[in-house]
């Protein structure tokens, strides 16, 4: 069950966001990426936010459109990945895909957005 309070805030960036999990034990982990488009919610001003997601250097989501995958803005979307941590470090990167809206109707931040990240050892 998704916690709705988790999706009321988010981090955004114009170009990229990078997160590191440091000092982890080597091994497999479940990475949960929590998304919701909470900024572009007005149907009167359609906007498209597209970005790529990499986990441990591997492309997991290409031209990711939260609104499209979630079935609308303001809806929670959870993506789960099992990844292998080596050298005690986990790296998650979100990059603007160079596509989608750049300025409609006002200049703004159309880069990646994420509500939360959770990382748990795989069982």
Foldseek 3Di string as FASTA:
>chain_A
DDDLVLAQDKDADQWKDKDKDAQADWFKKKKKFKDFQNPPADPVFDWWAFKWKDKPNHTDDHRDTRQVVQVHGPGMDMDIDIDTDDPRMIMMMIGGNPDIDQPIPHGDRRGDMTRDMDMGHDD
